[in-house]
Amino acid sequence: MGTTAYSLRSLVDKWLAPTQRTPARLVQIGRAQTSRSRFVRFERQTPVGFVTIVFFRHDDGSWCVFPPRGKVPAMCHVCDDR
């Protein structure tokens, strides 16, 4: 599955549509416990409450709203051509 890389700023603009009157605030920076991948959490106030979105950093340097796939153990072998 291919994804197009966007900057974190462009994703915040796309998903939260901040304005001068209602800016998006960076609320948290951290690492996921299981995958150790980086994440940032932004929020923006709306007339009905707060909207919060978490962006995850992937191994290729891109930011996405979904977490990167975890690395799973795999077995590999060399096929013997006889």
PDB file of N, CA and C in Angstrom:
ATOM      1  N   MET A   1       0.833  -1.158   0.000  1.00  0.00           N
ATOM      2  CA  MET A   1       0.000   0.000   0.000  1.00  0.00           C
ATOM      3  C   MET A   1       0.882   1.227   0.000  1.00  0.00           C
ATOM      4  N   GLY A   2       0.822   2.031  -1.016  1.00  0.00           N
ATOM      5  CA  GLY A   2       1.632   3.227  -1.102  1.00  0.00           C
ATOM      6  C   GLY A   2       0.928   4.421  -0.482  1.00  0.00           C
ATOM      7  N   THR A   3       1.710   5.257   0.154  1.00  0.00           N
ATOM      8  CA  THR A   3       1.146   6.476   0.718  1.00  0.00           C
ATOM      9  C   THR A   3       1.950   7.658   0.203  1.00  0.00           C
ATOM     10  N   THR A   4       1.307   8.783   0.112  1.00  0.00           N
ATOM     11  CA  THR A   4       1.987  10.000  -0.282  1.00  0.00           C
ATOM     12  C   THR A   4       2.428  10.711   0.979  1.00  0.00           C
ATOM     13  N   ALA A   5       3.700  11.108   1.028  1.00  0.00           N
ATOM     14  CA  ALA A   5       4.221  11.754   2.224  1.00  0.00           C
ATOM     15  C   ALA A   5       3.821  13.230   2.249  1.00  0.00           C
ATOM     16  N   TYR A   6       3.316  13.665   3.378  1.00  0.00           N
ATOM     17  CA  TYR A   6       2.964  15.054   3.601  1.00  0.00           C
ATOM     18  C   TYR A   6       3.680  15.528   4.855  1.00  0.00           C
ATOM     19  N   SER A   7       3.947  16.815   4.931  1.00  0.00           N
ATOM     20  CA  SER A   7       4.563  17.349   6.144  1.00  0.00           C
ATOM     21  C   SER A   7       3.547  17.312   7.271  1.00  0.00           C
ATOM     22  N   LEU A   8       4.049  17.310   8.486  1.00  0.00           N
ATOM     23  CA  LEU A   8       3.165  17.313   9.645  1.00  0.00           C
ATOM     24  C   LEU A   8       2.293  18.566   9.630  1.00  0.00           C
ATOM     25  N   ARG A   9       2.859  19.688   9.268  1.00  0.00           N
ATOM     26  CA  ARG A   9       2.092  20.939   9.223  1.00  0.00           C
ATOM     27  C   ARG A   9       0.938  20.845   8.229  1.00  0.00           C
ATOM     28  N   SER A  10       1.188  20.275   7.058  1.00  0.00           N
ATOM     29  CA  SER A  10       0.115  20.172   6.062  1.00  0.00           C
ATOM     30  C   SER A  10      -0.983  19.213   6.526  1.00  0.00           C
ATOM     31  N   LEU A  11      -0.608  18.170   7.265  1.00  0.00           N
ATOM     32  CA  LEU A  11      -1.618  17.248   7.792  1.00  0.00           C
ATOM     33  C   LEU A  11      -2.458  17.902   8.889  1.00  0.00           C
ATOM     34  N   VAL A  12      -1.825  18.695   9.743  1.00  0.00           N
ATOM     35  CA  VAL A  12      -2.578  19.417  10.770  1.00  0.00           C
ATOM     36  C   VAL A  12      -3.553  20.374  10.096  1.00  0.00           C
ATOM     37  N   ASP A  13      -3.094  21.082   9.070  1.00  0.00           N
ATOM     38  CA  ASP A  13      -3.978  21.995   8.327  1.00  0.00           C
ATOM     39  C   ASP A  13      -5.134  21.236   7.685  1.00  0.00           C
ATOM     40  N   LYS A  14      -4.836  20.081   7.113  1.00  0.00           N
ATOM     41  CA  LYS A  14      -5.861  19.292   6.426  1.00  0.00           C
ATOM     42  C   LYS A  14      -6.914  18.749   7.395  1.00  0.00           C
ATOM     43  N   TRP A  15      -6.468  18.148   8.490  1.00  0.00           N
ATOM     44  CA  TRP A  15      -7.377  17.453   9.389  1.00  0.00           C
ATOM     45  C   TRP A  15      -8.048  18.368  10.413  1.00  0.00           C
ATOM     46  N   LEU A  16      -7.335  19.405  10.874  1.00  0.00           N
ATOM     47  CA  LEU A  16      -7.888  20.255  11.926  1.00  0.00           C
ATOM     48  C   LEU A  16      -8.326  21.631  11.439  1.00  0.00           C
ATOM     49  N   ALA A  17      -7.880  22.049  10.264  1.00  0.00           N
ATOM     50  CA  ALA A  17      -8.248  23.339   9.670  1.00  0.00           C
ATOM     51  C   ALA A  17      -8.168  24.481  10.679  1.00  0.00           C
ATOM     52  N   PRO A  18      -6.971  24.694  11.263  1.00  0.00           N
ATOM     53  CA  PRO A  18      -6.859  25.753  12.253  1.00  0.00           C
ATOM     54  C   PRO A  18      -7.011  27.137  11.618  1.00  0.00           C
ATOM     55  N   THR A  19      -7.495  28.072  12.416  1.00  0.00           N
ATOM     56  CA  THR A  19      -7.598  29.467  11.987  1.00  0.00           C
ATOM     57  C   THR A  19      -6.913  30.327  13.042  1.00  0.00           C
ATOM     58  N   GLN A  20      -6.826  31.613  12.780  1.00  0.00           N
ATOM     59  CA  GLN A  20      -6.205  32.497  13.754  1.00  0.00           C
ATOM     60  C   GLN A  20      -7.034  32.566  15.045  1.00  0.00           C
ATOM     61  N   ARG A  21      -8.335  32.485  14.899  1.00  0.00           N
ATOM     62  CA  ARG A  21      -9.214  32.532  16.081  1.00  0.00           C
ATOM     63  C   ARG A  21      -9.251  31.205  16.834  1.00  0.00           C
ATOM     64  N   THR A  22      -9.125  30.091  16.109  1.00  0.00           N
ATOM     65  CA  THR A  22      -9.146  28.763  16.735  1.00  0.00           C
ATOM     66  C   THR A  22      -7.953  27.946  16.239  1.00  0.00           C
ATOM     67  N   PRO A  23      -6.774  28.205  16.797  1.00  0.00           N
ATOM     68  CA  PRO A  23      -5.574  27.491  16.342  1.00  0.00           C
ATOM     69  C   PRO A  23      -5.550  26.047  16.835  1.00  0.00           C
ATOM     70  N   ALA A  24      -4.762  25.237  16.176  1.00  0.00           N
ATOM     71  CA  ALA A  24      -4.501  23.875  16.649  1.00  0.00           C
ATOM     72  C   ALA A  24      -3.347  23.959  17.646  1.00  0.00           C
ATOM     73  N   ARG A  25      -3.492  23.262  18.755  1.00  0.00           N
ATOM     74  CA  ARG A  25      -2.458  23.261  19.787  1.00  0.00           C
ATOM     75  C   ARG A  25      -1.772  21.908  19.853  1.00  0.00           C
ATOM     76  N   LEU A  26      -0.457  21.945  19.944  1.00  0.00           N
ATOM     77  CA  LEU A  26       0.307  20.725  20.189  1.00  0.00           C
ATOM     78  C   LEU A  26       0.137  20.391  21.664  1.00  0.00           C
ATOM     79  N   VAL A  27      -0.433  19.219  21.946  1.00  0.00           N
ATOM     80  CA  VAL A  27      -0.772  18.841  23.310  1.00  0.00           C
ATOM     81  C   VAL A  27       0.227  17.849  23.889  1.00  0.00           C
ATOM     82  N   GLN A  28       0.748  16.951  23.061  1.00  0.00           N
ATOM     83  CA  GLN A  28       1.611  15.891  23.584  1.00  0.00           C
ATOM     84  C   GLN A  28       2.564  15.419  22.501  1.00  0.00           C
ATOM     85  N   ILE A  29       3.789  15.125  22.920  1.00  0.00           N
ATOM     86  CA  ILE A  29       4.803  14.495  22.071  1.00  0.00           C
ATOM     87  C   ILE A  29       5.266  13.260  22.829  1.00  0.00           C
ATOM     88  N   GLY A  30       5.394  12.138  22.140  1.00  0.00           N
ATOM     89  CA  GLY A  30       5.842  10.944  22.853  1.00  0.00           C
ATOM     90  C   GLY A  30       6.199   9.808  21.928  1.00  0.00           C
ATOM     91  N   ARG A  31       6.376   8.654  22.540  1.00  0.00           N
ATOM     92  CA  ARG A  31       6.660   7.417  21.819  1.00  0.00           C
ATOM     93  C   ARG A  31       5.636   6.373  22.238  1.00  0.00           C
ATOM     94  N   ALA A  32       5.152   5.616  21.264  1.00  0.00           N
ATOM     95  CA  ALA A  32       4.230   4.525  21.557  1.00  0.00           C
ATOM     96  C   ALA A  32       4.973   3.463  22.362  1.00  0.00           C
ATOM     97  N   GLN A  33       4.306   2.892  23.355  1.00  0.00           N
ATOM     98  CA  GLN A  33       4.966   1.919  24.224  1.00  0.00           C
ATOM     99  C   GLN A  33       5.365   0.652  23.489  1.00  0.00           C
ATOM    100  N   THR A  34       4.501   0.168  22.631  1.00  0.00           N
ATOM    101  CA  THR A  34       4.793  -1.121  21.982  1.00  0.00           C
ATOM    102  C   THR A  34       5.774  -0.993  20.831  1.00  0.00           C
ATOM    103  N   SER A  35       5.564  -0.052  19.936  1.00  0.00           N
ATOM    104  CA  SER A  35       6.405   0.042  18.745  1.00  0.00           C
ATOM    105  C   SER A  35       7.541   1.036  18.890  1.00  0.00           C
ATOM    106  N   ARG A  36       7.492   1.883  19.938  1.00  0.00           N
ATOM    107  CA  ARG A  36       8.485   2.929  20.159  1.00  0.00           C
ATOM    108  C   ARG A  36       8.483   3.978  19.058  1.00  0.00           C
ATOM    109  N   SER A  37       7.456   3.990  18.212  1.00  0.00           N
ATOM    110  CA  SER A  37       7.368   5.005  17.163  1.00  0.00           C
ATOM    111  C   SER A  37       6.920   6.323  17.778  1.00  0.00           C
ATOM    112  N   ARG A  38       7.333   7.412  17.168  1.00  0.00           N
ATOM    113  CA  ARG A  38       6.989   8.741  17.669  1.00  0.00           C
ATOM    114  C   ARG A  38       5.548   9.084  17.328  1.00  0.00           C
ATOM    115  N   PHE A  39       4.954   9.893  18.192  1.00  0.00           N
ATOM    116  CA  PHE A  39       3.629  10.411  17.889  1.00  0.00           C
ATOM    117  C   PHE A  39       3.510  11.822  18.451  1.00  0.00           C
ATOM    118  N   VAL A  40       2.603  12.588  17.873  1.00  0.00           N
ATOM    119  CA  VAL A  40       2.257  13.910  18.380  1.00  0.00           C
ATOM    120  C   VAL A  40       0.740  14.007  18.421  1.00  0.00           C
ATOM    121  N   ARG A  41       0.239  14.720  19.422  1.00  0.00           N
ATOM    122  CA  ARG A  41      -1.205  14.878  19.556  1.00  0.00           C
ATOM    123  C   ARG A  41      -1.536  16.357  19.502  1.00  0.00           C
ATOM    124  N   PHE A  42      -2.446  16.716  18.581  1.00  0.00           N
ATOM    125  CA  PHE A  42      -2.909  18.088  18.417  1.00  0.00           C
ATOM    126  C   PHE A  42      -4.386  18.151  18.764  1.00  0.00           C
ATOM    127  N   GLU A  43      -4.812  19.329  19.210  1.00  0.00           N
ATOM    128  CA  GLU A  43      -6.235  19.524  19.433  1.00  0.00           C
ATOM    129  C   GLU A  43      -6.639  20.921  18.988  1.00  0.00           C
ATOM    130  N   ARG A  44      -7.922  21.054  18.698  1.00  0.00           N
ATOM    131  CA  ARG A  44      -8.498  22.326  18.275  1.00  0.00           C
ATOM    132  C   ARG A  44      -9.885  22.427  18.880  1.00  0.00           C
ATOM    133  N   GLN A  45     -10.203  23.602  19.384  1.00  0.00           N
ATOM    134  CA  GLN A  45     -11.532  23.807  19.955  1.00  0.00           C
ATOM    135  C   GLN A  45     -12.521  24.123  18.844  1.00  0.00           C
ATOM    136  N   THR A  46     -13.704  23.523  18.941  1.00  0.00           N
ATOM    137  CA  THR A  46     -14.800  23.780  18.007  1.00  0.00           C
ATOM    138  C   THR A  46     -16.008  24.228  18.822  1.00  0.00           C
ATOM    139  N   PRO A  47     -17.056  24.694  18.170  1.00  0.00           N
ATOM    140  CA  PRO A  47     -18.248  25.117  18.923  1.00  0.00           C
ATOM    141  C   PRO A  47     -18.860  24.013  19.795  1.00  0.00           C
ATOM    142  N   VAL A  48     -18.647  22.756  19.443  1.00  0.00           N
ATOM    143  CA  VAL A  48     -19.244  21.656  20.213  1.00  0.00           C
ATOM    144  C   VAL A  48     -18.247  20.947  21.125  1.00  0.00           C
ATOM    145  N   GLY A  49     -17.009  21.409  21.185  1.00  0.00           N
ATOM    146  CA  GLY A  49     -16.013  20.771  22.034  1.00  0.00           C
ATOM    147  C   GLY A  49     -14.657  20.737  21.363  1.00  0.00           C
ATOM    148  N   PHE A  50     -13.789  19.880  21.865  1.00  0.00           N
ATOM    149  CA  PHE A  50     -12.442  19.758  21.308  1.00  0.00           C
ATOM    150  C   PHE A  50     -12.360  18.593  20.329  1.00  0.00           C
ATOM    151  N   VAL A  51     -11.562  18.794  19.287  1.00  0.00           N
ATOM    152  CA  VAL A  51     -11.221  17.729  18.348  1.00  0.00           C
ATOM    153  C   VAL A  51      -9.748  17.428  18.573  1.00  0.00           C
ATOM    154  N   THR A  52      -9.441  16.165  18.781  1.00  0.00           N
ATOM    155  CA  THR A  52      -8.059  15.745  19.014  1.00  0.00           C
ATOM    156  C   THR A  52      -7.672  14.713  17.969  1.00  0.00           C
ATOM    157  N   ILE A  53      -6.482  14.884  17.387  1.00  0.00           N
ATOM    158  CA  ILE A  53      -5.971  13.918  16.409  1.00  0.00           C
ATOM    159  C   ILE A  53      -4.526  13.595  16.774  1.00  0.00           C
ATOM    160  N   VAL A  54      -4.200  12.315  16.673  1.00  0.00           N
ATOM    161  CA  VAL A  54      -2.845  11.841  16.929  1.00  0.00           C
ATOM    162  C   VAL A  54      -2.213  11.492  15.582  1.00  0.00           C
ATOM    163  N   PHE A  55      -1.001  11.993  15.364  1.00  0.00           N
ATOM    164  CA  PHE A  55      -0.245  11.687  14.148  1.00  0.00           C
ATOM    165  C   PHE A  55       0.937  10.816  14.545  1.00  0.00           C
ATOM    166  N   PHE A  56       1.203   9.780  13.736  1.00  0.00           N
ATOM    167  CA  PHE A  56       2.273   8.826  14.013  1.00  0.00           C
ATOM    168  C   PHE A  56       3.373   8.956  12.972  1.00  0.00           C
ATOM    169  N   ARG A  57       4.616   8.896  13.423  1.00  0.00           N
ATOM    170  CA  ARG A  57       5.774   8.957  12.526  1.00  0.00           C
ATOM    171  C   ARG A  57       6.089   7.544  12.065  1.00  0.00           C
ATOM    172  N   HIS A  58       6.198   7.357  10.756  1.00  0.00           N
ATOM    173  CA  HIS A  58       6.518   6.050  10.185  1.00  0.00           C
ATOM    174  C   HIS A  58       8.014   5.948   9.892  1.00  0.00           C
ATOM    175  N   ASP A  59       8.481   4.736   9.648  1.00  0.00           N
ATOM    176  CA  ASP A  59       9.907   4.490   9.422  1.00  0.00           C
ATOM    177  C   ASP A  59      10.467   5.258   8.231  1.00  0.00           C
ATOM    178  N   ASP A  60       9.612   5.551   7.252  1.00  0.00           N
ATOM    179  CA  ASP A  60      10.086   6.291   6.075  1.00  0.00           C
ATOM    180  C   ASP A  60      10.101   7.805   6.301  1.00  0.00           C
ATOM    181  N   GLY A  61       9.773   8.245   7.518  1.00  0.00           N
ATOM    182  CA  GLY A  61       9.797   9.663   7.848  1.00  0.00           C
ATOM    183  C   GLY A  61       8.471  10.372   7.654  1.00  0.00           C
ATOM    184  N   SER A  62       7.468   9.679   7.139  1.00  0.00           N
ATOM    185  CA  SER A  62       6.167  10.304   6.912  1.00  0.00           C
ATOM    186  C   SER A  62       5.348  10.316   8.197  1.00  0.00           C
ATOM    187  N   TRP A  63       4.350  11.201   8.243  1.00  0.00           N
ATOM    188  CA  TRP A  63       3.412  11.295   9.356  1.00  0.00           C
ATOM    189  C   TRP A  63       2.051  10.852   8.858  1.00  0.00           C
ATOM    190  N   CYS A  64       1.355  10.044   9.643  1.00  0.00           N
ATOM    191  CA  CYS A  64       0.039   9.539   9.255  1.00  0.00           C
ATOM    192  C   CYS A  64      -0.876   9.509  10.475  1.00  0.00           C
ATOM    193  N   VAL A  65      -2.176   9.438  10.228  1.00  0.00           N
ATOM    194  CA  VAL A  65      -3.141   9.350  11.330  1.00  0.00           C
ATOM    195  C   VAL A  65      -3.317   7.916  11.809  1.00  0.00           C
ATOM    196  N   PHE A  66      -2.672   6.975  11.165  1.00  0.00           N
ATOM    197  CA  PHE A  66      -2.714   5.589  11.619  1.00  0.00           C
ATOM    198  C   PHE A  66      -1.304   5.187  12.060  1.00  0.00           C
ATOM    199  N   PRO A  67      -1.186   4.333  13.064  1.00  0.00           N
ATOM    200  CA  PRO A  67       0.139   3.943  13.548  1.00  0.00           C
ATOM    201  C   PRO A  67       0.849   3.030  12.559  1.00  0.00           C
ATOM    202  N   PRO A  68       2.178   3.024  12.610  1.00  0.00           N
ATOM    203  CA  PRO A  68       2.912   2.109  11.728  1.00  0.00           C
ATOM    204  C   PRO A  68       2.659   0.671  12.135  1.00  0.00           C
ATOM    205  N   ARG A  69       2.765  -0.200  11.165  1.00  0.00           N
ATOM    206  CA  ARG A  69       2.613  -1.628  11.468  1.00  0.00           C
ATOM    207  C   ARG A  69       3.777  -2.070  12.330  1.00  0.00           C
ATOM    208  N   GLY A  70       3.460  -2.868  13.305  1.00  0.00           N
ATOM    209  CA  GLY A  70       4.500  -3.384  14.177  1.00  0.00           C
ATOM    210  C   GLY A  70       5.350  -4.413  13.457  1.00  0.00           C
ATOM    211  N   LYS A  71       6.573  -4.509  13.871  1.00  0.00           N
ATOM    212  CA  LYS A  71       7.442  -5.537  13.303  1.00  0.00           C
ATOM    213  C   LYS A  71       7.095  -6.853  13.977  1.00  0.00           C
ATOM    214  N   VAL A  72       6.889  -7.859  13.166  1.00  0.00           N
ATOM    215  CA  VAL A  72       6.539  -9.169  13.705  1.00  0.00           C
ATOM    216  C   VAL A  72       7.645 -10.159  13.373  1.00  0.00           C
ATOM    217  N   PRO A  73       7.838 -11.140  14.225  1.00  0.00           N
ATOM    218  CA  PRO A  73       8.848 -12.150  13.928  1.00  0.00           C
ATOM    219  C   PRO A  73       8.497 -12.884  12.632  1.00  0.00           C
ATOM    220  N   ALA A  74       9.509 -13.199  11.881  1.00  0.00           N
ATOM    221  CA  ALA A  74       9.293 -13.916  10.627  1.00  0.00           C
ATOM    222  C   ALA A  74      10.402 -14.942  10.436  1.00  0.00           C
ATOM    223  N   MET A  75      10.027 -16.028   9.839  1.00  0.00           N
ATOM    224  CA  MET A  75      11.021 -17.051   9.521  1.00  0.00           C
ATOM    225  C   MET A  75      11.352 -16.920   8.049  1.00  0.00           C
ATOM    226  N   CYS A  76      12.595 -17.075   7.726  1.00  0.00           N
ATOM    227  CA  CYS A  76      12.958 -17.100   6.311  1.00  0.00           C
ATOM    228  C   CYS A  76      13.951 -18.231   6.112  1.00  0.00           C
ATOM    229  N   HIS A  77      13.955 -18.689   4.913  1.00  0.00           N
ATOM    230  CA  HIS A  77      14.893 -19.758   4.609  1.00  0.00           C
ATOM    231  C   HIS A  77      15.369 -19.582   3.171  1.00  0.00           C
ATOM    232  N   VAL A  78      16.440 -20.217   2.885  1.00  0.00           N
ATOM    233  CA  VAL A  78      16.992 -20.171   1.524  1.00  0.00           C
ATOM    234  C   VAL A  78      16.549 -21.434   0.819  1.00  0.00           C
ATOM    235  N   CYS A  79      15.911 -21.250  -0.310  1.00  0.00           N
ATOM    236  CA  CYS A  79      15.471 -22.405  -1.070  1.00  0.00           C
ATOM    237  C   CYS A  79      16.668 -23.047  -1.758  1.00  0.00           C
ATOM    238  N   ASP A  80      16.740 -24.327  -1.703  1.00  0.00           N
ATOM    239  CA  ASP A  80      17.828 -25.067  -2.311  1.00  0.00           C
ATOM    240  C   ASP A  80      17.377 -25.546  -3.675  1.00  0.00           C
ATOM    241  N   ASP A  81      17.968 -25.005  -4.739  1.00  0.00           N
ATOM    242  CA  ASP A  81      17.610 -25.424  -6.113  1.00  0.00           C
ATOM    243  C   ASP A  81      18.421 -26.648  -6.479  1.00  0.00           C
ATOM    244  N   ARG A  82      17.776 -27.787  -6.500  1.00  0.00           N
ATOM    245  CA  ARG A  82      18.486 -29.023  -6.864  1.00  0.00           C
ATOM    246  C   ARG A  82      17.954 -29.574  -8.144  1.00  0.00           C
TER     247      ARG A  82
END
